[in-house]
Amino acid sequence: MKLKNIKNKLFPTTFLLIIFLFPLVVFGATPLEIQYPDLPGFSVSGGTNFFVYAFNFLIYVGGIVAIIAIIYQAISIAFSKGNIAKVTEAKDRIRAAFFGLAILLGSY
């Protein structure tokens, strides 16, 4: 009687252990580090460097967006056909893009 009672308790316990420990064995073989592409002059080698990597990446993206905004507004001035309101608006946006670019470069 006692043997049957032990078997009844042992099977669910073993089953639960296998269910919960199997993923640890399977996923324990894979590396936990993510390989990020290298930015010019910087590479990620540790966990805390991820924030520095993300900051540098966002600086690069912000700079590219600012340059695109400046080019777009310059084209807008060229095609405004002398409309003073459009030229003034485009110049204000170019000034704002340069100001944002200055802030980005200052934070770097």
PDB file of N, CA and C in Angstrom:
ATOM      1  N   MET A   1       0.812  -1.192   0.000  1.00  0.00           N
ATOM      2  CA  MET A   1       0.000   0.000   0.000  1.00  0.00           C
ATOM      3  C   MET A   1       0.856   1.258   0.000  1.00  0.00           C
ATOM      4  N   LYS A   2       1.929   1.230   0.806  1.00  0.00           N
ATOM      5  CA  LYS A   2       2.787   2.401   0.897  1.00  0.00           C
ATOM      6  C   LYS A   2       3.512   2.656  -0.420  1.00  0.00           C
ATOM      7  N   LEU A   3       3.905   1.590  -1.125  1.00  0.00           N
ATOM      8  CA  LEU A   3       4.606   1.740  -2.391  1.00  0.00           C
ATOM      9  C   LEU A   3       3.730   2.406  -3.438  1.00  0.00           C
ATOM     10  N   LYS A   4       2.462   2.028  -3.470  1.00  0.00           N
ATOM     11  CA  LYS A   4       1.540   2.634  -4.424  1.00  0.00           C
ATOM     12  C   LYS A   4       1.327   4.108  -4.102  1.00  0.00           C
ATOM     13  N   ASN A   5       1.271   4.461  -2.836  1.00  0.00           N
ATOM     14  CA  ASN A   5       1.099   5.836  -2.403  1.00  0.00           C
ATOM     15  C   ASN A   5       2.322   6.671  -2.790  1.00  0.00           C
ATOM     16  N   ILE A   6       3.516   6.100  -2.646  1.00  0.00           N
ATOM     17  CA  ILE A   6       4.752   6.804  -3.018  1.00  0.00           C
ATOM     18  C   ILE A   6       4.787   7.021  -4.521  1.00  0.00           C
ATOM     19  N   LYS A   7       4.387   6.002  -5.308  1.00  0.00           N
ATOM     20  CA  LYS A   7       4.353   6.140  -6.769  1.00  0.00           C
ATOM     21  C   LYS A   7       3.378   7.232  -7.183  1.00  0.00           C
ATOM     22  N   ASN A   8       2.257   7.322  -6.514  1.00  0.00           N
ATOM     23  CA  ASN A   8       1.269   8.341  -6.849  1.00  0.00           C
ATOM     24  C   ASN A   8       1.791   9.752  -6.574  1.00  0.00           C
ATOM     25  N   LYS A   9       2.641   9.898  -5.574  1.00  0.00           N
ATOM     26  CA  LYS A   9       3.210  11.214  -5.275  1.00  0.00           C
ATOM     27  C   LYS A   9       4.461  11.493  -6.088  1.00  0.00           C
ATOM     28  N   LEU A  10       5.218  10.449  -6.416  1.00  0.00           N
ATOM     29  CA  LEU A  10       6.476  10.612  -7.115  1.00  0.00           C
ATOM     30  C   LEU A  10       6.270  11.003  -8.580  1.00  0.00           C
ATOM     31  N   PHE A  11       5.284  10.426  -9.231  1.00  0.00           N
ATOM     32  CA  PHE A  11       5.067  10.724 -10.645  1.00  0.00           C
ATOM     33  C   PHE A  11       4.721  12.191 -10.899  1.00  0.00           C
ATOM     34  N   PRO A  12       3.744  12.776 -10.186  1.00  0.00           N
ATOM     35  CA  PRO A  12       3.462  14.198 -10.441  1.00  0.00           C
ATOM     36  C   PRO A  12       4.639  15.112 -10.091  1.00  0.00           C
ATOM     37  N   THR A  13       5.369  14.764  -9.039  1.00  0.00           N
ATOM     38  CA  THR A  13       6.516  15.575  -8.650  1.00  0.00           C
ATOM     39  C   THR A  13       7.598  15.515  -9.724  1.00  0.00           C
ATOM     40  N   THR A  14       7.880  14.330 -10.220  1.00  0.00           N
ATOM     41  CA  THR A  14       8.879  14.176 -11.275  1.00  0.00           C
ATOM     42  C   THR A  14       8.421  14.886 -12.549  1.00  0.00           C
ATOM     43  N   PHE A  15       7.169  14.756 -12.871  1.00  0.00           N
ATOM     44  CA  PHE A  15       6.629  15.406 -14.056  1.00  0.00           C
ATOM     45  C   PHE A  15       6.769  16.929 -13.961  1.00  0.00           C
ATOM     46  N   LEU A  16       6.429  17.490 -12.805  1.00  0.00           N
ATOM     47  CA  LEU A  16       6.560  18.938 -12.629  1.00  0.00           C
ATOM     48  C   LEU A  16       8.013  19.396 -12.686  1.00  0.00           C
ATOM     49  N   LEU A  17       8.917  18.612 -12.094  1.00  0.00           N
ATOM     50  CA  LEU A  17      10.333  18.952 -12.159  1.00  0.00           C
ATOM     51  C   LEU A  17      10.840  18.950 -13.604  1.00  0.00           C
ATOM     52  N   ILE A  18      10.423  17.960 -14.360  1.00  0.00           N
ATOM     53  CA  ILE A  18      10.834  17.903 -15.772  1.00  0.00           C
ATOM     54  C   ILE A  18      10.267  19.088 -16.537  1.00  0.00           C
ATOM     55  N   ILE A  19       9.016  19.418 -16.315  1.00  0.00           N
ATOM     56  CA  ILE A  19       8.384  20.539 -17.018  1.00  0.00           C
ATOM     57  C   ILE A  19       9.101  21.856 -16.714  1.00  0.00           C
ATOM     58  N   PHE A  20       9.473  22.075 -15.453  1.00  0.00           N
ATOM     59  CA  PHE A  20      10.081  23.349 -15.071  1.00  0.00           C
ATOM     60  C   PHE A  20      11.591  23.395 -15.297  1.00  0.00           C
ATOM     61  N   LEU A  21      12.264  22.259 -15.235  1.00  0.00           N
ATOM     62  CA  LEU A  21      13.708  22.263 -15.408  1.00  0.00           C
ATOM     63  C   LEU A  21      14.153  22.064 -16.854  1.00  0.00           C
ATOM     64  N   PHE A  22      13.321  21.481 -17.687  1.00  0.00           N
ATOM     65  CA  PHE A  22      13.693  21.255 -19.081  1.00  0.00           C
ATOM     66  C   PHE A  22      14.002  22.563 -19.822  1.00  0.00           C
ATOM     67  N   PRO A  23      13.180  23.612 -19.690  1.00  0.00           N
ATOM     68  CA  PRO A  23      13.542  24.860 -20.367  1.00  0.00           C
ATOM     69  C   PRO A  23      14.856  25.451 -19.878  1.00  0.00           C
ATOM     70  N   LEU A  24      15.194  25.263 -18.610  1.00  0.00           N
ATOM     71  CA  LEU A  24      16.470  25.771 -18.101  1.00  0.00           C
ATOM     72  C   LEU A  24      17.643  25.081 -18.778  1.00  0.00           C
ATOM     73  N   VAL A  25      17.496  23.794 -19.021  1.00  0.00           N
ATOM     74  CA  VAL A  25      18.563  23.050 -19.679  1.00  0.00           C
ATOM     75  C   VAL A  25      18.656  23.456 -21.145  1.00  0.00           C
ATOM     76  N   VAL A  26      17.525  23.561 -21.809  1.00  0.00           N
ATOM     77  CA  VAL A  26      17.522  23.882 -23.233  1.00  0.00           C
ATOM     78  C   VAL A  26      17.992  25.313 -23.474  1.00  0.00           C
ATOM     79  N   PHE A  27      17.423  26.260 -22.758  1.00  0.00           N
ATOM     80  CA  PHE A  27      17.764  27.655 -22.985  1.00  0.00           C
ATOM     81  C   PHE A  27      19.060  28.057 -22.291  1.00  0.00           C
ATOM     82  N   GLY A  28      19.539  27.233 -21.380  1.00  0.00           N
ATOM     83  CA  GLY A  28      20.817  27.509 -20.731  1.00  0.00           C
ATOM     84  C   GLY A  28      21.982  27.326 -21.684  1.00  0.00           C
ATOM     85  N   ALA A  29      21.785  26.586 -22.757  1.00  0.00           N
ATOM     86  CA  ALA A  29      22.855  26.356 -23.721  1.00  0.00           C
ATOM     87  C   ALA A  29      23.018  27.528 -24.677  1.00  0.00           C
ATOM     88  N   THR A  30      22.015  28.362 -24.780  1.00  0.00           N
ATOM     89  CA  THR A  30      22.105  29.497 -25.698  1.00  0.00           C
ATOM     90  C   THR A  30      22.689  30.698 -24.973  1.00  0.00           C
ATOM     91  N   PRO A  31      23.460  31.509 -25.665  1.00  0.00           N
ATOM     92  CA  PRO A  31      24.023  32.692 -25.005  1.00  0.00           C
ATOM     93  C   PRO A  31      22.931  33.721 -24.727  1.00  0.00           C
ATOM     94  N   LEU A  32      23.055  34.413 -23.612  1.00  0.00           N
ATOM     95  CA  LEU A  32      22.071  35.406 -23.227  1.00  0.00           C
ATOM     96  C   LEU A  32      22.403  36.785 -23.793  1.00  0.00           C
ATOM     97  N   GLU A  33      23.609  36.972 -24.275  1.00  0.00           N
ATOM     98  CA  GLU A  33      24.017  38.275 -24.795  1.00  0.00           C
ATOM     99  C   GLU A  33      23.516  38.446 -26.217  1.00  0.00           C
ATOM    100  N   ILE A  34      23.064  39.626 -26.520  1.00  0.00           N
ATOM    101  CA  ILE A  34      22.631  39.976 -27.862  1.00  0.00           C
ATOM    102  C   ILE A  34      23.789  40.674 -28.550  1.00  0.00           C
ATOM    103  N   GLN A  35      24.071  40.286 -29.764  1.00  0.00           N
ATOM    104  CA  GLN A  35      25.154  40.913 -30.513  1.00  0.00           C
ATOM    105  C   GLN A  35      24.593  42.093 -31.295  1.00  0.00           C
ATOM    106  N   TYR A  36      24.962  43.292 -30.880  1.00  0.00           N
ATOM    107  CA  TYR A  36      24.527  44.504 -31.561  1.00  0.00           C
ATOM    108  C   TYR A  36      25.569  44.891 -32.597  1.00  0.00           C
ATOM    109  N   PRO A  37      25.142  45.490 -33.703  1.00  0.00           N
ATOM    110  CA  PRO A  37      26.136  45.920 -34.691  1.00  0.00           C
ATOM    111  C   PRO A  37      26.982  47.059 -34.126  1.00  0.00           C
ATOM    112  N   ASP A  38      28.228  47.120 -34.556  1.00  0.00           N
ATOM    113  CA  ASP A  38      29.128  48.157 -34.072  1.00  0.00           C
ATOM    114  C   ASP A  38      28.792  49.499 -34.702  1.00  0.00           C
ATOM    115  N   LEU A  39      28.768  50.533 -33.872  1.00  0.00           N
ATOM    116  CA  LEU A  39      28.648  51.896 -34.363  1.00  0.00           C
ATOM    117  C   LEU A  39      30.056  52.409 -34.619  1.00  0.00           C
ATOM    118  N   PRO A  40      30.200  53.399 -35.477  1.00  0.00           N
ATOM    119  CA  PRO A  40      31.544  53.926 -35.731  1.00  0.00           C
ATOM    120  C   PRO A  40      32.196  54.427 -34.441  1.00  0.00           C
ATOM    121  N   GLY A  41      33.308  53.824 -34.082  1.00  0.00           N
ATOM    122  CA  GLY A  41      34.049  54.244 -32.903  1.00  0.00           C
ATOM    123  C   GLY A  41      33.532  53.699 -31.589  1.00  0.00           C
ATOM    124  N   PHE A  42      32.568  52.776 -31.615  1.00  0.00           N
ATOM    125  CA  PHE A  42      32.007  52.261 -30.364  1.00  0.00           C
ATOM    126  C   PHE A  42      31.456  50.864 -30.589  1.00  0.00           C
ATOM    127  N   SER A  43      31.662  49.985 -29.630  1.00  0.00           N
ATOM    128  CA  SER A  43      31.079  48.643 -29.692  1.00  0.00           C
ATOM    129  C   SER A  43      30.551  48.276 -28.311  1.00  0.00           C
ATOM    130  N   VAL A  44      29.570  47.388 -28.288  1.00  0.00           N
ATOM    131  CA  VAL A  44      28.950  46.965 -27.040  1.00  0.00           C
ATOM    132  C   VAL A  44      29.653  45.701 -26.566  1.00  0.00           C
ATOM    133  N   SER A  45      30.144  45.719 -25.314  1.00  0.00           N
ATOM    134  CA  SER A  45      30.809  44.536 -24.787  1.00  0.00           C
ATOM    135  C   SER A  45      30.219  44.100 -23.451  1.00  0.00           C
ATOM    136  N   GLY A  46      29.390  44.898 -22.818  1.00  0.00           N
ATOM    137  CA  GLY A  46      28.826  44.535 -21.522  1.00  0.00           C
ATOM    138  C   GLY A  46      27.386  44.993 -21.412  1.00  0.00           C
ATOM    139  N   GLY A  47      26.741  44.621 -20.307  1.00  0.00           N
ATOM    140  CA  GLY A  47      25.335  44.969 -20.117  1.00  0.00           C
ATOM    141  C   GLY A  47      25.104  46.449 -19.918  1.00  0.00           C
ATOM    142  N   THR A  48      25.991  47.123 -19.179  1.00  0.00           N
ATOM    143  CA  THR A  48      25.787  48.558 -18.939  1.00  0.00           C
ATOM    144  C   THR A  48      26.129  49.380 -20.165  1.00  0.00           C
ATOM    145  N   ASN A  49      26.937  48.826 -21.057  1.00  0.00           N
ATOM    146  CA  ASN A  49      27.272  49.559 -22.274  1.00  0.00           C
ATOM    147  C   ASN A  49      26.091  49.653 -23.231  1.00  0.00           C
ATOM    148  N   PHE A  50      25.044  48.879 -22.990  1.00  0.00           N
ATOM    149  CA  PHE A  50      23.875  48.950 -23.864  1.00  0.00           C
ATOM    150  C   PHE A  50      23.269  50.345 -23.854  1.00  0.00           C
ATOM    151  N   PHE A  51      23.236  50.973 -22.673  1.00  0.00           N
ATOM    152  CA  PHE A  51      22.644  52.307 -22.593  1.00  0.00           C
ATOM    153  C   PHE A  51      23.490  53.328 -23.335  1.00  0.00           C
ATOM    154  N   VAL A  52      24.786  53.173 -23.263  1.00  0.00           N
ATOM    155  CA  VAL A  52      25.674  54.061 -24.015  1.00  0.00           C
ATOM    156  C   VAL A  52      25.485  53.812 -25.507  1.00  0.00           C
ATOM    157  N   TYR A  53      25.350  52.548 -25.887  1.00  0.00           N
ATOM    158  CA  TYR A  53      25.118  52.196 -27.286  1.00  0.00           C
ATOM    159  C   TYR A  53      23.797  52.807 -27.775  1.00  0.00           C
ATOM    160  N   ALA A  54      22.743  52.669 -26.982  1.00  0.00           N
ATOM    161  CA  ALA A  54      21.436  53.208 -27.365  1.00  0.00           C
ATOM    162  C   ALA A  54      21.499  54.729 -27.470  1.00  0.00           C
ATOM    163  N   PHE A  55      22.208  55.370 -26.551  1.00  0.00           N
ATOM    164  CA  PHE A  55      22.354  56.831 -26.584  1.00  0.00           C
ATOM    165  C   PHE A  55      23.073  57.261 -27.863  1.00  0.00           C
ATOM    166  N   ASN A  56      24.183  56.594 -28.182  1.00  0.00           N
ATOM    167  CA  ASN A  56      24.916  56.931 -29.407  1.00  0.00           C
ATOM    168  C   ASN A  56      24.073  56.669 -30.646  1.00  0.00           C
ATOM    169  N   PHE A  57      23.338  55.575 -30.644  1.00  0.00           N
ATOM    170  CA  PHE A  57      22.481  55.259 -31.785  1.00  0.00           C
ATOM    171  C   PHE A  57      21.414  56.338 -31.984  1.00  0.00           C
ATOM    172  N   LEU A  58      20.800  56.771 -30.888  1.00  0.00           N
ATOM    173  CA  LEU A  58      19.768  57.815 -30.997  1.00  0.00           C
ATOM    174  C   LEU A  58      20.365  59.156 -31.408  1.00  0.00           C
ATOM    175  N   ILE A  59      21.598  59.437 -31.009  1.00  0.00           N
ATOM    176  CA  ILE A  59      22.276  60.652 -31.467  1.00  0.00           C
ATOM    177  C   ILE A  59      22.457  60.604 -32.985  1.00  0.00           C
ATOM    178  N   TYR A  60      22.910  59.447 -33.491  1.00  0.00           N
ATOM    179  CA  TYR A  60      23.091  59.305 -34.937  1.00  0.00           C
ATOM    180  C   TYR A  60      21.767  59.451 -35.677  1.00  0.00           C
ATOM    181  N   VAL A  61      20.734  58.803 -35.177  1.00  0.00           N
ATOM    182  CA  VAL A  61      19.419  58.880 -35.831  1.00  0.00           C
ATOM    183  C   VAL A  61      18.883  60.309 -35.784  1.00  0.00           C
ATOM    184  N   GLY A  62      19.026  60.983 -34.642  1.00  0.00           N
ATOM    185  CA  GLY A  62      18.574  62.370 -34.529  1.00  0.00           C
ATOM    186  C   GLY A  62      19.314  63.292 -35.485  1.00  0.00           C
ATOM    187  N   GLY A  63      20.604  63.066 -35.649  1.00  0.00           N
ATOM    188  CA  GLY A  63      21.385  63.867 -36.597  1.00  0.00           C
ATOM    189  C   GLY A  63      20.925  63.649 -38.028  1.00  0.00           C
ATOM    190  N   ILE A  64      20.653  62.405 -38.374  1.00  0.00           N
ATOM    191  CA  ILE A  64      20.177  62.111 -39.732  1.00  0.00           C
ATOM    192  C   ILE A  64      18.819  62.742 -39.967  1.00  0.00           C
ATOM    193  N   VAL A  65      17.928  62.680 -38.982  1.00  0.00           N
ATOM    194  CA  VAL A  65      16.594  63.293 -39.115  1.00  0.00           C
ATOM    195  C   VAL A  65      16.719  64.802 -39.249  1.00  0.00           C
ATOM    196  N   ALA A  66      17.625  65.418 -38.495  1.00  0.00           N
ATOM    197  CA  ALA A  66      17.815  66.871 -38.585  1.00  0.00           C
ATOM    198  C   ALA A  66      18.335  67.274 -39.962  1.00  0.00           C
ATOM    199  N   ILE A  67      19.274  66.524 -40.504  1.00  0.00           N
ATOM    200  CA  ILE A  67      19.814  66.818 -41.833  1.00  0.00           C
ATOM    201  C   ILE A  67      18.726  66.666 -42.893  1.00  0.00           C
ATOM    202  N   ILE A  68      17.920  65.625 -42.783  1.00  0.00           N
ATOM    203  CA  ILE A  68      16.820  65.426 -43.738  1.00  0.00           C
ATOM    204  C   ILE A  68      15.817  66.571 -43.633  1.00  0.00           C
ATOM    205  N   ALA A  69      15.519  67.021 -42.409  1.00  0.00           N
ATOM    206  CA  ALA A  69      14.589  68.145 -42.231  1.00  0.00           C
ATOM    207  C   ALA A  69      15.147  69.416 -42.851  1.00  0.00           C
ATOM    208  N   ILE A  70      16.436  69.661 -42.695  1.00  0.00           N
ATOM    209  CA  ILE A  70      17.052  70.858 -43.290  1.00  0.00           C
ATOM    210  C   ILE A  70      16.982  70.793 -44.806  1.00  0.00           C
ATOM    211  N   ILE A  71      17.289  69.642 -45.372  1.00  0.00           N
ATOM    212  CA  ILE A  71      17.235  69.494 -46.837  1.00  0.00           C
ATOM    213  C   ILE A  71      15.806  69.661 -47.335  1.00  0.00           C
ATOM    214  N   TYR A  72      14.848  69.060 -46.632  1.00  0.00           N
ATOM    215  CA  TYR A  72      13.444  69.168 -47.044  1.00  0.00           C
ATOM    216  C   TYR A  72      12.974  70.624 -47.010  1.00  0.00           C
ATOM    217  N   GLN A  73      13.336  71.344 -45.969  1.00  0.00           N
ATOM    218  CA  GLN A  73      12.900  72.746 -45.871  1.00  0.00           C
ATOM    219  C   GLN A  73      13.614  73.622 -46.897  1.00  0.00           C
ATOM    220  N   ALA A  74      14.856  73.278 -47.251  1.00  0.00           N
ATOM    221  CA  ALA A  74      15.549  74.022 -48.301  1.00  0.00           C
ATOM    222  C   ALA A  74      14.859  73.819 -49.643  1.00  0.00           C
ATOM    223  N   ILE A  75      14.432  72.594 -49.891  1.00  0.00           N
ATOM    224  CA  ILE A  75      13.670  72.327 -51.122  1.00  0.00           C
ATOM    225  C   ILE A  75      12.338  73.057 -51.069  1.00  0.00           C
ATOM    226  N   SER A  76      11.726  73.115 -49.893  1.00  0.00           N
ATOM    227  CA  SER A  76      10.456  73.839 -49.727  1.00  0.00           C
ATOM    228  C   SER A  76      10.638  75.324 -50.033  1.00  0.00           C
ATOM    229  N   ILE A  77      11.755  75.907 -49.613  1.00  0.00           N
ATOM    230  CA  ILE A  77      12.029  77.322 -49.937  1.00  0.00           C
ATOM    231  C   ILE A  77      12.200  77.491 -51.430  1.00  0.00           C
ATOM    232  N   ALA A  78      12.883  76.541 -52.072  1.00  0.00           N
ATOM    233  CA  ALA A  78      13.122  76.640 -53.519  1.00  0.00           C
ATOM    234  C   ALA A  78      11.825  76.569 -54.315  1.00  0.00           C
ATOM    235  N   PHE A  79      10.860  75.793 -53.845  1.00  0.00           N
ATOM    236  CA  PHE A  79       9.601  75.639 -54.567  1.00  0.00           C
ATOM    237  C   PHE A  79       8.471  76.508 -54.021  1.00  0.00           C
ATOM    238  N   SER A  80       8.765  77.453 -53.141  1.00  0.00           N
ATOM    239  CA  SER A  80       7.706  78.288 -52.565  1.00  0.00           C
ATOM    240  C   SER A  80       7.228  79.378 -53.514  1.00  0.00           C
ATOM    241  N   LYS A  81       7.945  79.615 -54.599  1.00  0.00           N
ATOM    242  CA  LYS A  81       7.573  80.599 -55.636  1.00  0.00           C
ATOM    243  C   LYS A  81       7.387  81.994 -55.048  1.00  0.00           C
ATOM    244  N   GLY A  82       8.232  82.351 -54.103  1.00  0.00           N
ATOM    245  CA  GLY A  82       8.198  83.701 -53.567  1.00  0.00           C
ATOM    246  C   GLY A  82       7.118  83.949 -52.530  1.00  0.00           C
ATOM    247  N   ASN A  83       6.395  82.930 -52.105  1.00  0.00           N
ATOM    248  CA  ASN A  83       5.372  83.092 -51.084  1.00  0.00           C
ATOM    249  C   ASN A  83       6.078  83.354 -49.740  1.00  0.00           C
ATOM    250  N   ILE A  84       5.905  84.568 -49.213  1.00  0.00           N
ATOM    251  CA  ILE A  84       6.620  84.999 -48.014  1.00  0.00           C
ATOM    252  C   ILE A  84       6.280  84.112 -46.803  1.00  0.00           C
ATOM    253  N   ALA A  85       5.042  83.709 -46.663  1.00  0.00           N
ATOM    254  CA  ALA A  85       4.634  82.894 -45.510  1.00  0.00           C
ATOM    255  C   ALA A  85       5.335  81.533 -45.525  1.00  0.00           C
ATOM    256  N   LYS A  86       5.398  80.900 -46.711  1.00  0.00           N
ATOM    257  CA  LYS A  86       6.055  79.595 -46.810  1.00  0.00           C
ATOM    258  C   LYS A  86       7.558  79.716 -46.583  1.00  0.00           C
ATOM    259  N   VAL A  87       8.164  80.772 -47.112  1.00  0.00           N
ATOM    260  CA  VAL A  87       9.602  80.971 -46.919  1.00  0.00           C
ATOM    261  C   VAL A  87       9.917  81.201 -45.446  1.00  0.00           C
ATOM    262  N   THR A  88       9.112  82.023 -44.780  1.00  0.00           N
ATOM    263  CA  THR A  88       9.322  82.305 -43.362  1.00  0.00           C
ATOM    264  C   THR A  88       9.147  81.035 -42.526  1.00  0.00           C
ATOM    265  N   GLU A  89       8.123  80.255 -42.845  1.00  0.00           N
ATOM    266  CA  GLU A  89       7.886  79.008 -42.111  1.00  0.00           C
ATOM    267  C   GLU A  89       9.040  78.029 -42.317  1.00  0.00           C
ATOM    268  N   ALA A  90       9.525  77.926 -43.565  1.00  0.00           N
ATOM    269  CA  ALA A  90      10.630  77.012 -43.850  1.00  0.00           C
ATOM    270  C   ALA A  90      11.912  77.471 -43.145  1.00  0.00           C
ATOM    271  N   LYS A  91      12.156  78.777 -43.121  1.00  0.00           N
ATOM    272  CA  LYS A  91      13.348  79.294 -42.431  1.00  0.00           C
ATOM    273  C   LYS A  91      13.264  79.031 -40.927  1.00  0.00           C
ATOM    274  N   ASP A  92      12.073  79.179 -40.355  1.00  0.00           N
ATOM    275  CA  ASP A  92      11.901  78.888 -38.932  1.00  0.00           C
ATOM    276  C   ASP A  92      12.160  77.410 -38.635  1.00  0.00           C
ATOM    277  N   ARG A  93      11.707  76.552 -39.520  1.00  0.00           N
ATOM    278  CA  ARG A  93      11.931  75.121 -39.317  1.00  0.00           C
ATOM    279  C   ARG A  93      13.404  74.755 -39.493  1.00  0.00           C
ATOM    280  N   ILE A  94      14.074  75.413 -40.432  1.00  0.00           N
ATOM    281  CA  ILE A  94      15.512  75.181 -40.592  1.00  0.00           C
ATOM    282  C   ILE A  94      16.257  75.642 -39.338  1.00  0.00           C
ATOM    283  N   ARG A  95      15.869  76.778 -38.820  1.00  0.00           N
ATOM    284  CA  ARG A  95      16.490  77.290 -37.591  1.00  0.00           C
ATOM    285  C   ARG A  95      16.247  76.314 -36.435  1.00  0.00           C
ATOM    286  N   ALA A  96      15.038  75.787 -36.345  1.00  0.00           N
ATOM    287  CA  ALA A  96      14.721  74.826 -35.286  1.00  0.00           C
ATOM    288  C   ALA A  96      15.523  73.530 -35.464  1.00  0.00           C
ATOM    289  N   ALA A  97      15.707  73.097 -36.713  1.00  0.00           N
ATOM    290  CA  ALA A  97      16.496  71.886 -36.967  1.00  0.00           C
ATOM    291  C   ALA A  97      17.955  72.107 -36.573  1.00  0.00           C
ATOM    292  N   PHE A  98      18.505  73.290 -36.882  1.00  0.00           N
ATOM    293  CA  PHE A  98      19.879  73.591 -36.471  1.00  0.00           C
ATOM    294  C   PHE A  98      19.994  73.666 -34.948  1.00  0.00           C
ATOM    295  N   PHE A  99      18.983  74.219 -34.308  1.00  0.00           N
ATOM    296  CA  PHE A  99      18.983  74.287 -32.841  1.00  0.00           C
ATOM    297  C   PHE A  99      18.943  72.874 -32.247  1.00  0.00           C
ATOM    298  N   GLY A 100      18.094  72.024 -32.793  1.00  0.00           N
ATOM    299  CA  GLY A 100      18.027  70.627 -32.333  1.00  0.00           C
ATOM    300  C   GLY A 100      19.328  69.881 -32.591  1.00  0.00           C
ATOM    301  N   LEU A 101      19.957  70.150 -33.734  1.00  0.00           N
ATOM    302  CA  LEU A 101      21.239  69.534 -34.033  1.00  0.00           C
ATOM    303  C   LEU A 101      22.314  70.001 -33.061  1.00  0.00           C
ATOM    304  N   ALA A 102      22.273  71.285 -32.697  1.00  0.00           N
ATOM    305  CA  ALA A 102      23.225  71.816 -31.714  1.00  0.00           C
ATOM    306  C   ALA A 102      23.027  71.151 -30.351  1.00  0.00           C
ATOM    307  N   ILE A 103      21.770  70.950 -29.967  1.00  0.00           N
ATOM    308  CA  ILE A 103      21.499  70.255 -28.693  1.00  0.00           C
ATOM    309  C   ILE A 103      22.009  68.828 -28.736  1.00  0.00           C
ATOM    310  N   LEU A 104      21.787  68.132 -29.865  1.00  0.00           N
ATOM    311  CA  LEU A 104      22.272  66.766 -30.003  1.00  0.00           C
ATOM    312  C   LEU A 104      23.796  66.702 -29.905  1.00  0.00           C
ATOM    313  N   LEU A 105      24.455  67.599 -30.616  1.00  0.00           N
ATOM    314  CA  LEU A 105      25.918  67.586 -30.578  1.00  0.00           C
ATOM    315  C   LEU A 105      26.446  68.011 -29.216  1.00  0.00           C
ATOM    316  N   GLY A 106      25.727  68.887 -28.538  1.00  0.00           N
ATOM    317  CA  GLY A 106      26.124  69.287 -27.193  1.00  0.00           C
ATOM    318  C   GLY A 106      25.967  68.161 -26.188  1.00  0.00           C
ATOM    319  N   SER A 107      24.991  67.297 -26.377  1.00  0.00           N
ATOM    320  CA  SER A 107      24.800  66.180 -25.460  1.00  0.00           C
ATOM    321  C   SER A 107      25.767  65.047 -25.715  1.00  0.00           C
ATOM    322  N   TYR A 108      26.376  65.039 -26.869  1.00  0.00           N
ATOM    323  CA  TYR A 108      27.327  63.979 -27.202  1.00  0.00           C
ATOM    324  C   TYR A 108      28.631  64.222 -26.491  1.00  0.00           C
TER     325      TYR A 108
END
